[in-house]
Amino acid sequence: MQGEPSTSGCGAPTPTRRYFTVGGANRSYLLAEPAGAASAVVLSLHGTRSSAADQERISGMAYLAAPAGSDAGAVVAFPDAVSPIGSGFEWDHHGDMSFLVALAEELVGRYSPPSGRVIVAGMSGGARMSCYFAASRSDLVECVGAVAGLRAIGDHPPTRPVPIVAFHGTGDRINPYQGGATPRWDESVPDAARRWAGVNALPAEPAVAALSPTLTRTTYGEEGGPGEIALYTSAGAGHTWPGARRNLFLRLFLGKTSREIDATAEIAAFGARHAGDP
């Protein structure tokens, strides 16, 4: 069922509001579709106190449905979490799993992406949910794109190596890079990457590359190899989506946004590199 359209930037398709019934509940999501074949299926998960519409605007992932020079593109779904909080929603690891699994299976069955799996990406609490989803249902997940919220595997070790590309700023005050005081964010981001590398059976010592004076890439495993873990660390950046544009209030509240890398483009490229993974 389709409903009201959301707004999107110039050049990107306008996502439409869809509804999906699972477990007797009517759940909603925004969907951006390519004009031609589906090169990938992406689930893009909003952060805590945010929404599908916010995530679509912040990430710009609807643009992946209309790449320049091609009718083929990604199918991008922006689901809303189940639990209302503030002016948005919050992901419930247990309460939202059946919805996300059913949505992933529905979209893969409908659009037949080459990998037969979904790319799961998210911001903050959405990144945390993406990691949980990937660990619990690695059979459905092509790769993870975790922005400002990489977490380790939790209680559900994956049944196959899950490639992960993550982005985090050292100036993030909400989800501190070196770990915080709350149970959700007590683990440091480097430790989370290290634990994923261990589960994916990758070498314990990563390759570290300084891409600029303020941007570093830490990679476990071979680039493009099964289970690769790539962490981009932006010195001084805040709780933000690299490459996105924020208004002045959000810049003051959430901190600096890195312009040295485009998280959306990098997640798409990373997914393409791992589409053929076993």
C-alpha atoms as a PDB file:
ATOM      1  CA  MET A   1       0.000   0.000   0.000  1.00  0.00           C
ATOM      2  CA  GLN A   2       1.334   3.438  -0.884  1.00  0.00           C
ATOM      3  CA  GLY A   3       0.704   6.654   0.967  1.00  0.00           C
ATOM      4  CA  GLU A   4       2.066  10.171   1.062  1.00  0.00           C
ATOM      5  CA  PRO A   5       5.468  10.898  -0.511  1.00  0.00           C
ATOM      6  CA  SER A   6       8.354  12.268   1.520  1.00  0.00           C
ATOM      7  CA  THR A   7      10.592  15.062   0.325  1.00  0.00           C
ATOM      8  CA  SER A   8      13.990  14.336  -1.174  1.00  0.00           C
ATOM      9  CA  GLY A   9      16.833  16.295  -2.678  1.00  0.00           C
ATOM     10  CA  CYS A  10      17.055  17.253  -6.342  1.00  0.00           C
ATOM     11  CA  GLY A  11      18.041  14.344  -8.572  1.00  0.00           C
ATOM     12  CA  ALA A  12      16.955  11.621  -6.149  1.00  0.00           C
ATOM     13  CA  PRO A  13      13.694   9.706  -6.561  1.00  0.00           C
ATOM     14  CA  THR A  14      11.004  10.704  -4.085  1.00  0.00           C
ATOM     15  CA  PRO A  15      10.477   7.793  -1.666  1.00  0.00           C
ATOM     16  CA  THR A  16       6.894   6.704  -1.089  1.00  0.00           C
ATOM     17  CA  ARG A  17       5.342   5.665   2.210  1.00  0.00           C
ATOM     18  CA  ARG A  18       4.618   1.936   2.314  1.00  0.00           C
ATOM     19  CA  TYR A  19       2.983  -0.259   4.947  1.00  0.00           C
ATOM     20  CA  PHE A  20       3.812  -3.808   5.919  1.00  0.00           C
ATOM     21  CA  THR A  21       1.860  -6.024   8.312  1.00  0.00           C
ATOM     22  CA  VAL A  22       3.898  -8.342  10.527  1.00  0.00           C
ATOM     23  CA  GLY A  23       2.848  -9.980  13.774  1.00  0.00           C
ATOM     24  CA  GLY A  24      -0.554  -8.331  13.507  1.00  0.00           C
ATOM     25  CA  ALA A  25       1.001  -4.840  13.515  1.00  0.00           C
ATOM     26  CA  ASN A  26       0.894  -2.396  10.599  1.00  0.00           C
ATOM     27  CA  ARG A  27       4.456  -1.100  10.187  1.00  0.00           C
ATOM     28  CA  SER A  28       5.617   1.691   7.891  1.00  0.00           C
ATOM     29  CA  TYR A  29       8.680   2.512   5.823  1.00  0.00           C
ATOM     30  CA  LEU A  30       9.749   4.799   3.001  1.00  0.00           C
ATOM     31  CA  LEU A  31      10.892   3.196  -0.232  1.00  0.00           C
ATOM     32  CA  ALA A  32      13.029   4.567  -3.084  1.00  0.00           C
ATOM     33  CA  GLU A  33      13.095   2.420  -6.235  1.00  0.00           C
ATOM     34  CA  PRO A  34      15.282   2.511  -9.354  1.00  0.00           C
ATOM     35  CA  ALA A  35      13.812   2.896 -12.827  1.00  0.00           C
ATOM     36  CA  GLY A  36      15.388  -0.404 -13.909  1.00  0.00           C
ATOM     37  CA  ALA A  37      16.905  -3.478 -12.299  1.00  0.00           C
ATOM     38  CA  ALA A  38      17.902  -3.544  -8.642  1.00  0.00           C
ATOM     39  CA  SER A  39      21.664  -3.556  -8.152  1.00  0.00           C
ATOM     40  CA  ALA A  40      21.228  -3.934  -4.375  1.00  0.00           C
ATOM     41  CA  VAL A  41      18.669  -3.732  -1.582  1.00  0.00           C
ATOM     42  CA  VAL A  42      19.472  -1.374   1.293  1.00  0.00           C
ATOM     43  CA  LEU A  43      17.809  -1.023   4.689  1.00  0.00           C
ATOM     44  CA  SER A  44      18.708   2.408   6.105  1.00  0.00           C
ATOM     45  CA  LEU A  45      17.916   2.672   9.827  1.00  0.00           C
ATOM     46  CA  HIS A  46      17.375   5.958  11.660  1.00  0.00           C
ATOM     47  CA  GLY A  47      18.914   6.908  14.982  1.00  0.00           C
ATOM     48  CA  THR A  48      17.202   7.153  18.373  1.00  0.00           C
ATOM     49  CA  ARG A  49      14.623   9.967  18.567  1.00  0.00           C
ATOM     50  CA  SER A  50      14.713  10.122  14.785  1.00  0.00           C
ATOM     51  CA  SER A  51      12.518   8.701  12.010  1.00  0.00           C
ATOM     52  CA  ALA A  52      12.535   7.210   8.534  1.00  0.00           C
ATOM     53  CA  ALA A  53      12.033  10.661   7.007  1.00  0.00           C
ATOM     54  CA  ASP A  54      14.929  12.065   9.046  1.00  0.00           C
ATOM     55  CA  GLN A  55      17.197   9.214   7.981  1.00  0.00           C
ATOM     56  CA  GLU A  56      16.287   9.683   4.335  1.00  0.00           C
ATOM     57  CA  ARG A  57      17.149  13.372   4.574  1.00  0.00           C
ATOM     58  CA  ILE A  58      20.336  12.967   6.630  1.00  0.00           C
ATOM     59  CA  SER A  59      21.868  10.063   4.729  1.00  0.00           C
ATOM     60  CA  GLY A  60      20.815  11.021   1.191  1.00  0.00           C
ATOM     61  CA  MET A  61      20.592   7.305   0.470  1.00  0.00           C
ATOM     62  CA  ALA A  62      17.624   7.747  -1.876  1.00  0.00           C
ATOM     63  CA  TYR A  63      20.218   8.937  -4.407  1.00  0.00           C
ATOM     64  CA  LEU A  64      21.487   5.344  -4.630  1.00  0.00           C
ATOM     65  CA  ALA A  65      18.294   4.463  -6.512  1.00  0.00           C
ATOM     66  CA  ALA A  66      19.220   6.805  -9.373  1.00  0.00           C
ATOM     67  CA  PRO A  67      22.951   6.573 -10.143  1.00  0.00           C
ATOM     68  CA  ALA A  68      24.159   8.791 -12.967  1.00  0.00           C
ATOM     69  CA  GLY A  69      24.126   7.173 -16.381  1.00  0.00           C
ATOM     70  CA  SER A  70      22.155   4.043 -15.465  1.00  0.00           C
ATOM     71  CA  ASP A  71      18.560   2.924 -14.953  1.00  0.00           C
ATOM     72  CA  ALA A  72      19.742   0.235 -12.544  1.00  0.00           C
ATOM     73  CA  GLY A  73      20.163   1.289  -8.947  1.00  0.00           C
ATOM     74  CA  ALA A  74      19.622   0.271  -5.349  1.00  0.00           C
ATOM     75  CA  VAL A  75      16.240  -0.274  -3.761  1.00  0.00           C
ATOM     76  CA  VAL A  76      16.450   1.713  -0.515  1.00  0.00           C
ATOM     77  CA  ALA A  77      14.008   1.213   2.379  1.00  0.00           C
ATOM     78  CA  PHE A  78      13.858   3.550   5.376  1.00  0.00           C
ATOM     79  CA  PRO A  79      11.831   1.785   8.105  1.00  0.00           C
ATOM     80  CA  ASP A  80      10.428   3.352  11.284  1.00  0.00           C
ATOM     81  CA  ALA A  81      11.249   1.642  14.593  1.00  0.00           C
ATOM     82  CA  VAL A  82       8.495   0.347  16.854  1.00  0.00           C
ATOM     83  CA  SER A  83       8.990   2.368  20.050  1.00  0.00           C
ATOM     84  CA  PRO A  84       8.030   6.080  20.124  1.00  0.00           C
ATOM     85  CA  ILE A  85      10.458   8.346  21.978  1.00  0.00           C
ATOM     86  CA  GLY A  86      10.501  12.139  21.906  1.00  0.00           C
ATOM     87  CA  SER A  87       9.574  13.283  18.416  1.00  0.00           C
ATOM     88  CA  GLY A  88      10.807  10.049  16.825  1.00  0.00           C
ATOM     89  CA  PHE A  89      11.353   6.360  17.464  1.00  0.00           C
ATOM     90  CA  GLU A  90      13.808   3.973  19.115  1.00  0.00           C
ATOM     91  CA  TRP A  91      14.867   0.529  17.924  1.00  0.00           C
ATOM     92  CA  ASP A  92      13.981  -2.459  20.099  1.00  0.00           C
ATOM     93  CA  HIS A  93      16.400  -5.296  19.393  1.00  0.00           C
ATOM     94  CA  HIS A  94      13.801  -7.948  20.086  1.00  0.00           C
ATOM     95  CA  GLY A  95      10.570  -6.154  19.175  1.00  0.00           C
ATOM     96  CA  ASP A  96      11.851  -4.954  15.787  1.00  0.00           C
ATOM     97  CA  MET A  97      13.655  -8.082  14.599  1.00  0.00           C
ATOM     98  CA  SER A  98      10.638  -9.849  13.124  1.00  0.00           C
ATOM     99  CA  PHE A  99       9.700  -6.693  11.193  1.00  0.00           C
ATOM    100  CA  LEU A 100      13.189  -6.154   9.771  1.00  0.00           C
ATOM    101  CA  VAL A 101      13.619  -9.825   8.881  1.00  0.00           C
ATOM    102  CA  ALA A 102      10.222  -9.918   7.146  1.00  0.00           C
ATOM    103  CA  LEU A 103      10.929  -6.647   5.321  1.00  0.00           C
ATOM    104  CA  ALA A 104      14.378  -7.838   4.187  1.00  0.00           C
ATOM    105  CA  GLU A 105      12.962 -11.124   2.911  1.00  0.00           C
ATOM    106  CA  GLU A 106      10.080  -9.359   1.148  1.00  0.00           C
ATOM    107  CA  LEU A 107      12.373  -6.897  -0.643  1.00  0.00           C
ATOM    108  CA  VAL A 108      14.925  -9.543  -1.639  1.00  0.00           C
ATOM    109  CA  GLY A 109      12.128 -11.739  -2.977  1.00  0.00           C
ATOM    110  CA  ARG A 110      10.527  -8.855  -4.870  1.00  0.00           C
ATOM    111  CA  TYR A 111      13.635  -7.252  -6.405  1.00  0.00           C
ATOM    112  CA  SER A 112      16.143 -10.156  -6.633  1.00  0.00           C
ATOM    113  CA  PRO A 113      19.402  -8.255  -5.980  1.00  0.00           C
ATOM    114  CA  PRO A 114      22.525 -10.025  -7.306  1.00  0.00           C
ATOM    115  CA  SER A 115      23.796 -10.829  -3.800  1.00  0.00           C
ATOM    116  CA  GLY A 116      20.479 -12.282  -2.629  1.00  0.00           C
ATOM    117  CA  ARG A 117      20.976 -10.306   0.576  1.00  0.00           C
ATOM    118  CA  VAL A 118      20.476  -6.781   1.955  1.00  0.00           C
ATOM    119  CA  ILE A 119      22.915  -4.041   2.893  1.00  0.00           C
ATOM    120  CA  VAL A 120      21.992  -2.844   6.390  1.00  0.00           C
ATOM    121  CA  ALA A 121      23.114   0.675   7.259  1.00  0.00           C
ATOM    122  CA  GLY A 122      22.247   2.970  10.120  1.00  0.00           C
ATOM    123  CA  MET A 123      22.997   6.076  12.122  1.00  0.00           C
ATOM    124  CA  SER A 124      23.699   5.923  15.883  1.00  0.00           C
ATOM    125  CA  GLY A 125      21.008   3.667  17.395  1.00  0.00           C
ATOM    126  CA  GLY A 126      20.254   2.535  13.843  1.00  0.00           C
ATOM    127  CA  ALA A 127      23.890   1.458  13.448  1.00  0.00           C
ATOM    128  CA  ARG A 128      23.618  -0.429  16.725  1.00  0.00           C
ATOM    129  CA  MET A 129      20.457  -2.142  15.456  1.00  0.00           C
ATOM    130  CA  SER A 130      22.192  -2.908  12.140  1.00  0.00           C
ATOM    131  CA  CYS A 131      25.004  -4.693  13.970  1.00  0.00           C
ATOM    132  CA  TYR A 132      22.519  -6.683  16.051  1.00  0.00           C
ATOM    133  CA  PHE A 133      20.511  -7.622  12.960  1.00  0.00           C
ATOM    134  CA  ALA A 134      23.656  -8.674  11.069  1.00  0.00           C
ATOM    135  CA  ALA A 135      24.920 -10.843  13.924  1.00  0.00           C
ATOM    136  CA  SER A 136      21.514 -12.479  14.373  1.00  0.00           C
ATOM    137  CA  ARG A 137      20.750 -13.013  10.660  1.00  0.00           C
ATOM    138  CA  SER A 138      24.051 -12.942   8.823  1.00  0.00           C
ATOM    139  CA  ASP A 139      22.475 -15.169   6.145  1.00  0.00           C
ATOM    140  CA  LEU A 140      20.350 -12.161   5.083  1.00  0.00           C
ATOM    141  CA  VAL A 141      23.059  -9.492   5.269  1.00  0.00           C
ATOM    142  CA  GLU A 142      25.461  -8.557   2.472  1.00  0.00           C
ATOM    143  CA  CYS A 143      27.327  -6.040   4.638  1.00  0.00           C
ATOM    144  CA  VAL A 144      26.828  -3.421   7.364  1.00  0.00           C
ATOM    145  CA  GLY A 145      27.360   0.338   7.138  1.00  0.00           C
ATOM    146  CA  ALA A 146      27.598   1.675  10.702  1.00  0.00           C
ATOM    147  CA  VAL A 147      27.716   5.458  11.210  1.00  0.00           C
ATOM    148  CA  ALA A 148      28.370   6.808  14.727  1.00  0.00           C
ATOM    149  CA  GLY A 149      27.287   3.559  16.343  1.00  0.00           C
ATOM    150  CA  LEU A 150      29.437   0.493  15.594  1.00  0.00           C
ATOM    151  CA  ARG A 151      28.790  -2.165  18.238  1.00  0.00           C
ATOM    152  CA  ALA A 152      30.111  -5.686  18.683  1.00  0.00           C
ATOM    153  CA  ILE A 153      28.094  -8.822  18.090  1.00  0.00           C
ATOM    154  CA  GLY A 154      26.170  -9.194  21.366  1.00  0.00           C
ATOM    155  CA  ASP A 155      24.622 -12.572  22.153  1.00  0.00           C
ATOM    156  CA  HIS A 156      24.217 -13.894  18.608  1.00  0.00           C
ATOM    157  CA  PRO A 157      27.468 -14.864  16.847  1.00  0.00           C
ATOM    158  CA  PRO A 158      26.990 -14.715  13.055  1.00  0.00           C
ATOM    159  CA  THR A 159      26.959 -17.923  11.036  1.00  0.00           C
ATOM    160  CA  ARG A 160      29.103 -16.380   8.272  1.00  0.00           C
ATOM    161  CA  PRO A 161      31.632 -13.510   8.141  1.00  0.00           C
ATOM    162  CA  VAL A 162      29.834 -10.156   7.860  1.00  0.00           C
ATOM    163  CA  PRO A 163      31.763  -7.350   6.114  1.00  0.00           C
ATOM    164  CA  ILE A 164      31.456  -4.046   7.969  1.00  0.00           C
ATOM    165  CA  VAL A 165      32.362  -0.475   7.063  1.00  0.00           C
ATOM    166  CA  ALA A 166      32.086   1.973   9.951  1.00  0.00           C
ATOM    167  CA  PHE A 167      32.501   5.733  10.425  1.00  0.00           C
ATOM    168  CA  HIS A 168      33.030   7.551  13.722  1.00  0.00           C
ATOM    169  CA  GLY A 169      34.272  10.924  14.904  1.00  0.00           C
ATOM    170  CA  THR A 170      36.602  11.327  17.869  1.00  0.00           C
ATOM    171  CA  GLY A 171      34.570  14.379  18.956  1.00  0.00           C
ATOM    172  CA  ASP A 172      31.300  12.432  19.266  1.00  0.00           C
ATOM    173  CA  ARG A 173      29.821  13.381  22.651  1.00  0.00           C
ATOM    174  CA  ILE A 174      26.729  11.156  22.348  1.00  0.00           C
ATOM    175  CA  ASN A 175      28.449   7.867  21.472  1.00  0.00           C
ATOM    176  CA  PRO A 176      32.047   8.548  22.589  1.00  0.00           C
ATOM    177  CA  TYR A 177      34.740   7.024  20.398  1.00  0.00           C
ATOM    178  CA  GLN A 178      36.594   5.635  23.424  1.00  0.00           C
ATOM    179  CA  GLY A 179      33.423   4.397  25.104  1.00  0.00           C
ATOM    180  CA  GLY A 180      30.905   6.055  27.409  1.00  0.00           C
ATOM    181  CA  ALA A 181      29.221   5.580  30.762  1.00  0.00           C
ATOM    182  CA  THR A 182      25.982   3.976  29.543  1.00  0.00           C
ATOM    183  CA  PRO A 183      25.593   0.216  28.929  1.00  0.00           C
ATOM    184  CA  ARG A 184      24.741   0.833  25.263  1.00  0.00           C
ATOM    185  CA  TRP A 185      27.941   2.723  24.535  1.00  0.00           C
ATOM    186  CA  ASP A 186      30.420   1.478  27.142  1.00  0.00           C
ATOM    187  CA  GLU A 187      32.563  -0.280  24.532  1.00  0.00           C
ATOM    188  CA  SER A 188      35.023   1.759  22.509  1.00  0.00           C
ATOM    189  CA  VAL A 189      34.631   1.875  18.737  1.00  0.00           C
ATOM    190  CA  PRO A 190      38.115   0.379  18.087  1.00  0.00           C
ATOM    191  CA  ASP A 191      37.274  -2.472  20.478  1.00  0.00           C
ATOM    192  CA  ALA A 192      33.992  -3.136  18.653  1.00  0.00           C
ATOM    193  CA  ALA A 193      35.859  -3.312  15.326  1.00  0.00           C
ATOM    194  CA  ARG A 194      38.462  -5.628  16.870  1.00  0.00           C
ATOM    195  CA  ARG A 195      35.772  -7.975  18.211  1.00  0.00           C
ATOM    196  CA  TRP A 196      34.036  -8.175  14.822  1.00  0.00           C
ATOM    197  CA  ALA A 197      37.388  -8.960  13.224  1.00  0.00           C
ATOM    198  CA  GLY A 198      37.884 -11.806  15.705  1.00  0.00           C
ATOM    199  CA  VAL A 199      34.465 -13.264  14.979  1.00  0.00           C
ATOM    200  CA  ASN A 200      35.158 -12.992  11.238  1.00  0.00           C
ATOM    201  CA  ALA A 201      38.430 -14.921  11.773  1.00  0.00           C
ATOM    202  CA  LEU A 202      40.604 -12.074  10.486  1.00  0.00           C
ATOM    203  CA  PRO A 203      44.205 -11.314  11.513  1.00  0.00           C
ATOM    204  CA  ALA A 204      44.421  -9.575  14.896  1.00  0.00           C
ATOM    205  CA  GLU A 205      46.654  -6.770  13.616  1.00  0.00           C
ATOM    206  CA  PRO A 206      44.937  -4.279  11.296  1.00  0.00           C
ATOM    207  CA  ALA A 207      46.406  -2.156   8.531  1.00  0.00           C
ATOM    208  CA  VAL A 208      46.195   1.522   9.460  1.00  0.00           C
ATOM    209  CA  ALA A 209      46.333   4.189   6.754  1.00  0.00           C
ATOM    210  CA  ALA A 210      46.376   7.956   7.355  1.00  0.00           C
ATOM    211  CA  LEU A 211      44.260   9.262   4.465  1.00  0.00           C
ATOM    212  CA  SER A 212      44.710  12.854   5.620  1.00  0.00           C
ATOM    213  CA  PRO A 213      45.829  14.634   8.798  1.00  0.00           C
ATOM    214  CA  THR A 214      42.286  14.113  10.186  1.00  0.00           C
ATOM    215  CA  LEU A 215      41.030  10.908   8.508  1.00  0.00           C
ATOM    216  CA  THR A 216      42.320   7.398   9.236  1.00  0.00           C
ATOM    217  CA  ARG A 217      41.220   4.031   7.871  1.00  0.00           C
ATOM    218  CA  THR A 218      41.770   0.913   9.981  1.00  0.00           C
ATOM    219  CA  THR A 219      41.253  -2.311   8.016  1.00  0.00           C
ATOM    220  CA  TYR A 220      41.095  -5.895   9.232  1.00  0.00           C
ATOM    221  CA  GLY A 221      41.505  -8.480   6.480  1.00  0.00           C
ATOM    222  CA  GLU A 222      42.086  -7.877   2.792  1.00  0.00           C
ATOM    223  CA  GLU A 223      40.254  -5.059   1.040  1.00  0.00           C
ATOM    224  CA  GLY A 224      37.287  -6.688  -0.655  1.00  0.00           C
ATOM    225  CA  GLY A 225      37.979 -10.001   1.080  1.00  0.00           C
ATOM    226  CA  PRO A 226      35.305 -11.979   2.987  1.00  0.00           C
ATOM    227  CA  GLY A 227      34.474 -10.471   6.362  1.00  0.00           C
ATOM    228  CA  GLU A 228      36.559  -7.320   5.806  1.00  0.00           C
ATOM    229  CA  ILE A 229      36.231  -4.727   8.604  1.00  0.00           C
ATOM    230  CA  ALA A 230      36.984  -1.102   7.652  1.00  0.00           C
ATOM    231  CA  LEU A 231      36.779   1.708  10.221  1.00  0.00           C
ATOM    232  CA  TYR A 232      37.072   5.357   9.131  1.00  0.00           C
ATOM    233  CA  THR A 233      37.995   7.619  12.057  1.00  0.00           C
ATOM    234  CA  SER A 234      37.509  11.371  11.658  1.00  0.00           C
ATOM    235  CA  ALA A 235      39.510  13.430  14.140  1.00  0.00           C
ATOM    236  CA  GLY A 236      37.311  16.067  15.777  1.00  0.00           C
ATOM    237  CA  ALA A 237      34.089  15.061  14.001  1.00  0.00           C
ATOM    238  CA  GLY A 238      30.912  14.745  16.061  1.00  0.00           C
ATOM    239  CA  HIS A 239      27.767  12.612  16.095  1.00  0.00           C
ATOM    240  CA  THR A 240      27.194  13.076  12.388  1.00  0.00           C
ATOM    241  CA  TRP A 241      26.871  11.344   8.991  1.00  0.00           C
ATOM    242  CA  PRO A 242      30.046  12.049   6.953  1.00  0.00           C
ATOM    243  CA  GLY A 243      29.227  14.047   3.848  1.00  0.00           C
ATOM    244  CA  ALA A 244      25.770  15.160   5.067  1.00  0.00           C
ATOM    245  CA  ARG A 245      24.652  18.757   5.499  1.00  0.00           C
ATOM    246  CA  ARG A 246      23.199  19.970   8.796  1.00  0.00           C
ATOM    247  CA  ASN A 247      21.513  23.181   9.871  1.00  0.00           C
ATOM    248  CA  LEU A 248      23.259  25.482  12.345  1.00  0.00           C
ATOM    249  CA  PHE A 249      21.379  24.205  15.410  1.00  0.00           C
ATOM    250  CA  LEU A 250      22.262  20.585  14.712  1.00  0.00           C
ATOM    251  CA  ARG A 251      25.874  21.505  13.975  1.00  0.00           C
ATOM    252  CA  LEU A 252      26.105  23.178  17.369  1.00  0.00           C
ATOM    253  CA  PHE A 253      24.409  20.267  19.139  1.00  0.00           C
ATOM    254  CA  LEU A 254      25.913  17.282  17.304  1.00  0.00           C
ATOM    255  CA  GLY A 255      29.307  18.650  16.314  1.00  0.00           C
ATOM    256  CA  LYS A 256      31.388  18.834  13.159  1.00  0.00           C
ATOM    257  CA  THR A 257      30.571  16.799  10.044  1.00  0.00           C
ATOM    258  CA  SER A 258      33.487  15.351   8.103  1.00  0.00           C
ATOM    259  CA  ARG A 259      33.639  16.413   4.442  1.00  0.00           C
ATOM    260  CA  GLU A 260      36.603  14.173   3.650  1.00  0.00           C
ATOM    261  CA  ILE A 261      34.483  11.113   2.953  1.00  0.00           C
ATOM    262  CA  ASP A 262      30.912  10.496   1.818  1.00  0.00           C
ATOM    263  CA  ALA A 263      29.527   7.704   4.006  1.00  0.00           C
ATOM    264  CA  THR A 264      26.615   6.980   1.664  1.00  0.00           C
ATOM    265  CA  ALA A 265      28.826   6.575  -1.412  1.00  0.00           C
ATOM    266  CA  GLU A 266      31.375   4.518   0.514  1.00  0.00           C
ATOM    267  CA  ILE A 267      28.720   2.162   1.918  1.00  0.00           C
ATOM    268  CA  ALA A 268      27.381   1.601  -1.611  1.00  0.00           C
ATOM    269  CA  ALA A 269      30.871   0.923  -2.989  1.00  0.00           C
ATOM    270  CA  PHE A 270      31.689  -1.367  -0.068  1.00  0.00           C
ATOM    271  CA  GLY A 271      28.473  -3.311  -0.669  1.00  0.00           C
ATOM    272  CA  ALA A 272      29.312  -3.699  -4.365  1.00  0.00           C
ATOM    273  CA  ARG A 273      32.732  -5.125  -3.462  1.00  0.00           C
ATOM    274  CA  HIS A 274      31.085  -7.749  -1.253  1.00  0.00           C
ATOM    275  CA  ALA A 275      28.031  -8.619  -3.338  1.00  0.00           C
ATOM    276  CA  GLY A 276      29.653 -11.883  -4.428  1.00  0.00           C
ATOM    277  CA  ASP A 277      30.760 -13.029  -0.967  1.00  0.00           C
ATOM    278  CA  PRO A 278      29.757 -16.590  -0.017  1.00  0.00           C
END
